[in-house]
Structure formats: C-alpha cells, structure tokens
Amino acid sequence: MHLNGFVDVISKAFLDIVIQPGQNPDERQAFHMMLDHFSPDNPQKYIVTADRGYERSVGCVPIY
C-alpha cells in the first residue's frame, strides 16, 4: 500500500490523500487526482511542490 498526501504546510492539515494498493504505485496519477480535487478560493496564493517521482507530471517545473 502507498499513501500519497496533499498537505497544507501552514495549517499542517491533509487536504487530500490517495491510497494505492500494490508494490508499484503510480505517483503521477495520484498527483493528477489530487490536483483535480483541489479547488481553492484563490489559486494564485498557492505554490504546489512535489517530491521525486511526482515531477514527471505535466505542468511541474523542477526547482534546483
């Protein structure tokens, strides 16, 4: 089982989670699912970051 979490670091609360079964989780799919569910009042106030594996998703820009 693999847990993917979408966390608000200011409030320290999970905004969304996707639990995937098995040994080969699809982090890209989980990331897209969580972004599809994310509907803030003012999206310009948010910065979304991701760990390794998630950066292959469309629309992500790596920051080095």
PDB file of N, CA and C in Angstrom:
ATOM      1  N   MET A   1       0.853  -1.170   0.000  1.00  0.00           N
ATOM      2  CA  MET A   1       0.000   0.000   0.000  1.00  0.00           C
ATOM      3  C   MET A   1       0.897   1.231   0.000  1.00  0.00           C
ATOM      4  N   HIS A   2       0.459   2.280  -0.700  1.00  0.00           N
ATOM      5  CA  HIS A   2       1.215   3.525  -0.810  1.00  0.00           C
ATOM      6  C   HIS A   2       0.264   4.703  -0.579  1.00  0.00           C
ATOM      7  N   LEU A   3       0.653   5.607   0.313  1.00  0.00           N
ATOM      8  CA  LEU A   3      -0.169   6.775   0.608  1.00  0.00           C
ATOM      9  C   LEU A   3       0.452   8.003  -0.041  1.00  0.00           C
ATOM     10  N   ASN A   4      -0.343   8.720  -0.812  1.00  0.00           N
ATOM     11  CA  ASN A   4       0.060   9.988  -1.415  1.00  0.00           C
ATOM     12  C   ASN A   4      -0.728  11.071  -0.695  1.00  0.00           C
ATOM     13  N   GLY A   5      -0.032  12.063  -0.164  1.00  0.00           N
ATOM     14  CA  GLY A   5      -0.711  13.106   0.598  1.00  0.00           C
ATOM     15  C   GLY A   5      -0.521  14.481   0.006  1.00  0.00           C
ATOM     16  N   PHE A   6      -1.563  15.288   0.088  1.00  0.00           N
ATOM     17  CA  PHE A   6      -1.556  16.680  -0.354  1.00  0.00           C
ATOM     18  C   PHE A   6      -1.746  17.498   0.914  1.00  0.00           C
ATOM     19  N   VAL A   7      -0.683  18.159   1.373  1.00  0.00           N
ATOM     20  CA  VAL A   7      -0.664  18.778   2.695  1.00  0.00           C
ATOM     21  C   VAL A   7      -0.542  20.293   2.596  1.00  0.00           C
ATOM     22  N   ASP A   8      -1.314  20.990   3.416  1.00  0.00           N
ATOM     23  CA  ASP A   8      -1.173  22.431   3.592  1.00  0.00           C
ATOM     24  C   ASP A   8      -0.166  22.626   4.725  1.00  0.00           C
ATOM     25  N   VAL A   9       1.041  23.100   4.393  1.00  0.00           N
ATOM     26  CA  VAL A   9       2.092  23.186   5.412  1.00  0.00           C
ATOM     27  C   VAL A   9       1.837  24.285   6.436  1.00  0.00           C
ATOM     28  N   ILE A  10       1.018  25.268   6.109  1.00  0.00           N
ATOM     29  CA  ILE A  10       0.699  26.329   7.069  1.00  0.00           C
ATOM     30  C   ILE A  10      -0.235  25.802   8.159  1.00  0.00           C
ATOM     31  N   SER A  11      -1.313  25.147   7.751  1.00  0.00           N
ATOM     32  CA  SER A  11      -2.277  24.621   8.726  1.00  0.00           C
ATOM     33  C   SER A  11      -1.907  23.218   9.216  1.00  0.00           C
ATOM     34  N   LYS A  12      -0.896  22.609   8.573  1.00  0.00           N
ATOM     35  CA  LYS A  12      -0.449  21.251   8.914  1.00  0.00           C
ATOM     36  C   LYS A  12      -1.591  20.238   8.794  1.00  0.00           C
ATOM     37  N   ALA A  13      -2.396  20.417   7.762  1.00  0.00           N
ATOM     38  CA  ALA A  13      -3.556  19.541   7.548  1.00  0.00           C
ATOM     39  C   ALA A  13      -3.477  18.888   6.167  1.00  0.00           C
ATOM     40  N   PHE A  14      -3.935  17.638   6.095  1.00  0.00           N
ATOM     41  CA  PHE A  14      -4.052  16.974   4.801  1.00  0.00           C
ATOM     42  C   PHE A  14      -5.261  17.554   4.073  1.00  0.00           C
ATOM     43  N   LEU A  15      -5.045  17.995   2.840  1.00  0.00           N
ATOM     44  CA  LEU A  15      -6.146  18.478   2.011  1.00  0.00           C
ATOM     45  C   LEU A  15      -6.755  17.341   1.206  1.00  0.00           C
ATOM     46  N   ASP A  16      -5.922  16.344   0.897  1.00  0.00           N
ATOM     47  CA  ASP A  16      -6.382  15.196   0.125  1.00  0.00           C
ATOM     48  C   ASP A  16      -5.363  14.067   0.296  1.00  0.00           C
ATOM     49  N   ILE A  17      -5.835  12.831   0.154  1.00  0.00           N
ATOM     50  CA  ILE A  17      -4.935  11.688   0.111  1.00  0.00           C
ATOM     51  C   ILE A  17      -5.429  10.719  -0.952  1.00  0.00           C
ATOM     52  N   VAL A  18      -4.492   9.993  -1.532  1.00  0.00           N
ATOM     53  CA  VAL A  18      -4.810   8.919  -2.464  1.00  0.00           C
ATOM     54  C   VAL A  18      -4.028   7.705  -1.979  1.00  0.00           C
ATOM     55  N   ILE A  19      -4.728   6.630  -1.674  1.00  0.00           N
ATOM     56  CA  ILE A  19      -4.101   5.393  -1.231  1.00  0.00           C
ATOM     57  C   ILE A  19      -4.113   4.422  -2.401  1.00  0.00           C
ATOM     58  N   GLN A  20      -2.918   3.918  -2.735  1.00  0.00           N
ATOM     59  CA  GLN A  20      -2.800   2.992  -3.855  1.00  0.00           C
ATOM     60  C   GLN A  20      -2.323   1.637  -3.354  1.00  0.00           C
ATOM     61  N   PRO A  21      -2.944   0.571  -3.819  1.00  0.00           N
ATOM     62  CA  PRO A  21      -2.531  -0.768  -3.407  1.00  0.00           C
ATOM     63  C   PRO A  21      -1.317  -1.247  -4.210  1.00  0.00           C
ATOM     64  N   GLY A  22      -0.700  -2.295  -3.741  1.00  0.00           N
ATOM     65  CA  GLY A  22       0.343  -2.967  -4.506  1.00  0.00           C
ATOM     66  C   GLY A  22       1.732  -2.412  -4.317  1.00  0.00           C
ATOM     67  N   GLN A  23       2.659  -2.977  -5.071  1.00  0.00           N
ATOM     68  CA  GLN A  23       4.076  -2.640  -4.949  1.00  0.00           C
ATOM     69  C   GLN A  23       4.531  -1.541  -5.907  1.00  0.00           C
ATOM     70  N   ASN A  24       3.726  -1.209  -6.911  1.00  0.00           N
ATOM     71  CA  ASN A  24       4.128  -0.219  -7.911  1.00  0.00           C
ATOM     72  C   ASN A  24       3.134   0.933  -7.971  1.00  0.00           C
ATOM     73  N   PRO A  25       3.218   1.874  -7.036  1.00  0.00           N
ATOM     74  CA  PRO A  25       2.264   2.987  -7.047  1.00  0.00           C
ATOM     75  C   PRO A  25       2.506   3.912  -8.243  1.00  0.00           C
ATOM     76  N   ASP A  26       1.458   4.528  -8.697  1.00  0.00           N
ATOM     77  CA  ASP A  26       1.540   5.494  -9.796  1.00  0.00           C
ATOM     78  C   ASP A  26       1.407   6.890  -9.190  1.00  0.00           C
ATOM     79  N   GLU A  27       2.546   7.460  -8.794  1.00  0.00           N
ATOM     80  CA  GLU A  27       2.530   8.770  -8.130  1.00  0.00           C
ATOM     81  C   GLU A  27       2.039   9.868  -9.062  1.00  0.00           C
ATOM     82  N   ARG A  28       2.327   9.729 -10.337  1.00  0.00           N
ATOM     83  CA  ARG A  28       1.865  10.726 -11.312  1.00  0.00           C
ATOM     84  C   ARG A  28       0.338  10.764 -11.353  1.00  0.00           C
ATOM     85  N   GLN A  29      -0.283   9.589 -11.421  1.00  0.00           N
ATOM     86  CA  GLN A  29      -1.744   9.516 -11.433  1.00  0.00           C
ATOM     87  C   GLN A  29      -2.316  10.079 -10.137  1.00  0.00           C
ATOM     88  N   ALA A  30      -1.713   9.736  -9.003  1.00  0.00           N
ATOM     89  CA  ALA A  30      -2.190  10.237  -7.713  1.00  0.00           C
ATOM     90  C   ALA A  30      -2.087  11.758  -7.649  1.00  0.00           C
ATOM     91  N   PHE A  31      -0.981  12.304  -8.144  1.00  0.00           N
ATOM     92  CA  PHE A  31      -0.787  13.753  -8.157  1.00  0.00           C
ATOM     93  C   PHE A  31      -1.868  14.447  -8.982  1.00  0.00           C
ATOM     94  N   HIS A  32      -2.159  13.889 -10.155  1.00  0.00           N
ATOM     95  CA  HIS A  32      -3.206  14.466 -11.015  1.00  0.00           C
ATOM     96  C   HIS A  32      -4.574  14.383 -10.348  1.00  0.00           C
ATOM     97  N   MET A  33      -4.845  13.271  -9.676  1.00  0.00           N
ATOM     98  CA  MET A  33      -6.124  13.123  -8.975  1.00  0.00           C
ATOM     99  C   MET A  33      -6.266  14.176  -7.877  1.00  0.00           C
ATOM    100  N   MET A  34      -5.196  14.389  -7.105  1.00  0.00           N
ATOM    101  CA  MET A  34      -5.253  15.370  -6.016  1.00  0.00           C
ATOM    102  C   MET A  34      -5.390  16.788  -6.564  1.00  0.00           C
ATOM    103  N   LEU A  35      -4.713  17.091  -7.669  1.00  0.00           N
ATOM    104  CA  LEU A  35      -4.864  18.425  -8.274  1.00  0.00           C
ATOM    105  C   LEU A  35      -6.272  18.628  -8.826  1.00  0.00           C
ATOM    106  N   ASP A  36      -6.865  17.570  -9.374  1.00  0.00           N
ATOM    107  CA  ASP A  36      -8.245  17.660  -9.876  1.00  0.00           C
ATOM    108  C   ASP A  36      -9.227  17.971  -8.743  1.00  0.00           C
ATOM    109  N   HIS A  37      -8.954  17.454  -7.553  1.00  0.00           N
ATOM    110  CA  HIS A  37      -9.828  17.689  -6.393  1.00  0.00           C
ATOM    111  C   HIS A  37      -9.586  19.045  -5.738  1.00  0.00           C
ATOM    112  N   PHE A  38      -8.426  19.644  -5.989  1.00  0.00           N
ATOM    113  CA  PHE A  38      -8.013  20.882  -5.324  1.00  0.00           C
ATOM    114  C   PHE A  38      -8.712  22.075  -5.970  1.00  0.00           C
ATOM    115  N   SER A  39      -9.540  22.766  -5.204  1.00  0.00           N
ATOM    116  CA  SER A  39     -10.254  23.935  -5.741  1.00  0.00           C
ATOM    117  C   SER A  39     -10.265  25.064  -4.701  1.00  0.00           C
ATOM    118  N   PRO A  40      -9.134  25.743  -4.537  1.00  0.00           N
ATOM    119  CA  PRO A  40      -9.060  26.817  -3.546  1.00  0.00           C
ATOM    120  C   PRO A  40      -9.829  28.057  -4.001  1.00  0.00           C
ATOM    121  N   ASP A  41     -10.147  28.910  -3.030  1.00  0.00           N
ATOM    122  CA  ASP A  41     -10.840  30.160  -3.349  1.00  0.00           C
ATOM    123  C   ASP A  41      -9.968  31.067  -4.208  1.00  0.00           C
ATOM    124  N   ASN A  42      -8.667  31.108  -3.900  1.00  0.00           N
ATOM    125  CA  ASN A  42      -7.742  31.960  -4.643  1.00  0.00           C
ATOM    126  C   ASN A  42      -6.499  31.145  -5.006  1.00  0.00           C
ATOM    127  N   PRO A  43      -6.497  30.488  -6.169  1.00  0.00           N
ATOM    128  CA  PRO A  43      -5.389  29.614  -6.528  1.00  0.00           C
ATOM    129  C   PRO A  43      -4.051  30.331  -6.689  1.00  0.00           C
ATOM    130  N   GLN A  44      -4.059  31.650  -6.891  1.00  0.00           N
ATOM    131  CA  GLN A  44      -2.809  32.396  -7.049  1.00  0.00           C
ATOM    132  C   GLN A  44      -2.021  32.490  -5.741  1.00  0.00           C
ATOM    133  N   LYS A  45      -2.624  32.126  -4.638  1.00  0.00           N
ATOM    134  CA  LYS A  45      -1.948  32.187  -3.346  1.00  0.00           C
ATOM    135  C   LYS A  45      -1.243  30.876  -2.986  1.00  0.00           C
ATOM    136  N   TYR A  46      -1.233  29.902  -3.872  1.00  0.00           N
ATOM    137  CA  TYR A  46      -0.690  28.585  -3.568  1.00  0.00           C
ATOM    138  C   TYR A  46       0.525  28.261  -4.413  1.00  0.00           C
ATOM    139  N   ILE A  47       1.479  27.596  -3.808  1.00  0.00           N
ATOM    140  CA  ILE A  47       2.625  27.017  -4.502  1.00  0.00           C
ATOM    141  C   ILE A  47       2.563  25.525  -4.216  1.00  0.00           C
ATOM    142  N   VAL A  48       2.550  24.721  -5.261  1.00  0.00           N
ATOM    143  CA  VAL A  48       2.485  23.279  -5.102  1.00  0.00           C
ATOM    144  C   VAL A  48       3.873  22.716  -5.365  1.00  0.00           C
ATOM    145  N   THR A  49       4.404  21.965  -4.402  1.00  0.00           N
ATOM    146  CA  THR A  49       5.698  21.306  -4.571  1.00  0.00           C
ATOM    147  C   THR A  49       5.495  19.800  -4.465  1.00  0.00           C
ATOM    148  N   ALA A  50       6.438  19.060  -5.019  1.00  0.00           N
ATOM    149  CA  ALA A  50       6.328  17.596  -5.002  1.00  0.00           C
ATOM    150  C   ALA A  50       7.710  16.973  -4.846  1.00  0.00           C
ATOM    151  N   ASP A  51       7.704  15.779  -4.308  1.00  0.00           N
ATOM    152  CA  ASP A  51       8.921  15.007  -4.102  1.00  0.00           C
ATOM    153  C   ASP A  51       9.298  14.282  -5.398  1.00  0.00           C
ATOM    154  N   ARG A  52      10.428  13.578  -5.373  1.00  0.00           N
ATOM    155  CA  ARG A  52      10.863  12.802  -6.535  1.00  0.00           C
ATOM    156  C   ARG A  52       9.767  11.860  -7.011  1.00  0.00           C
ATOM    157  N   GLY A  53       9.661  11.721  -8.316  1.00  0.00           N
ATOM    158  CA  GLY A  53       8.642  10.851  -8.895  1.00  0.00           C
ATOM    159  C   GLY A  53       7.427  11.634  -9.358  1.00  0.00           C
ATOM    160  N   TYR A  54       7.046  12.633  -8.607  1.00  0.00           N
ATOM    161  CA  TYR A  54       5.891  13.451  -8.972  1.00  0.00           C
ATOM    162  C   TYR A  54       6.261  14.486 -10.039  1.00  0.00           C
ATOM    163  N   GLU A  55       7.536  14.847 -10.121  1.00  0.00           N
ATOM    164  CA  GLU A  55       7.944  15.933 -11.015  1.00  0.00           C
ATOM    165  C   GLU A  55       7.770  15.594 -12.482  1.00  0.00           C
ATOM    166  N   ARG A  56       7.552  14.331 -12.814  1.00  0.00           N
ATOM    167  CA  ARG A  56       7.331  13.953 -14.212  1.00  0.00           C
ATOM    168  C   ARG A  56       5.936  14.355 -14.683  1.00  0.00           C
ATOM    169  N   SER A  57       5.122  14.848 -13.798  1.00  0.00           N
ATOM    170  CA  SER A  57       3.762  15.229 -14.174  1.00  0.00           C
ATOM    171  C   SER A  57       3.768  16.471 -15.042  1.00  0.00           C
ATOM    172  N   VAL A  58       2.823  16.542 -15.924  1.00  0.00           N
ATOM    173  CA  VAL A  58       2.698  17.689 -16.823  1.00  0.00           C
ATOM    174  C   VAL A  58       2.422  18.949 -15.999  1.00  0.00           C
ATOM    175  N   GLY A  59       3.141  20.014 -16.325  1.00  0.00           N
ATOM    176  CA  GLY A  59       2.916  21.276 -15.650  1.00  0.00           C
ATOM    177  C   GLY A  59       3.808  21.522 -14.445  1.00  0.00           C
ATOM    178  N   CYS A  60       4.657  20.555 -14.084  1.00  0.00           N
ATOM    179  CA  CYS A  60       5.566  20.730 -12.960  1.00  0.00           C
ATOM    180  C   CYS A  60       6.908  21.245 -13.463  1.00  0.00           C
ATOM    181  N   VAL A  61       7.436  22.204 -12.752  1.00  0.00           N
ATOM    182  CA  VAL A  61       8.735  22.760 -13.095  1.00  0.00           C
ATOM    183  C   VAL A  61       9.684  22.446 -11.949  1.00  0.00           C
ATOM    184  N   PRO A  62      10.770  21.694 -12.221  1.00  0.00           N
ATOM    185  CA  PRO A  62      11.701  21.387 -11.127  1.00  0.00           C
ATOM    186  C   PRO A  62      12.445  22.633 -10.672  1.00  0.00           C
ATOM    187  N   ILE A  63      12.633  22.738  -9.370  1.00  0.00           N
ATOM    188  CA  ILE A  63      13.389  23.850  -8.790  1.00  0.00           C
ATOM    189  C   ILE A  63      14.634  23.257  -8.155  1.00  0.00           C
ATOM    190  N   TYR A  64      15.776  23.706  -8.620  1.00  0.00           N
ATOM    191  CA  TYR A  64      17.040  23.155  -8.105  1.00  0.00           C
ATOM    192  C   TYR A  64      17.790  24.196  -7.313  1.00  0.00           C
TER     193      TYR A  64
END
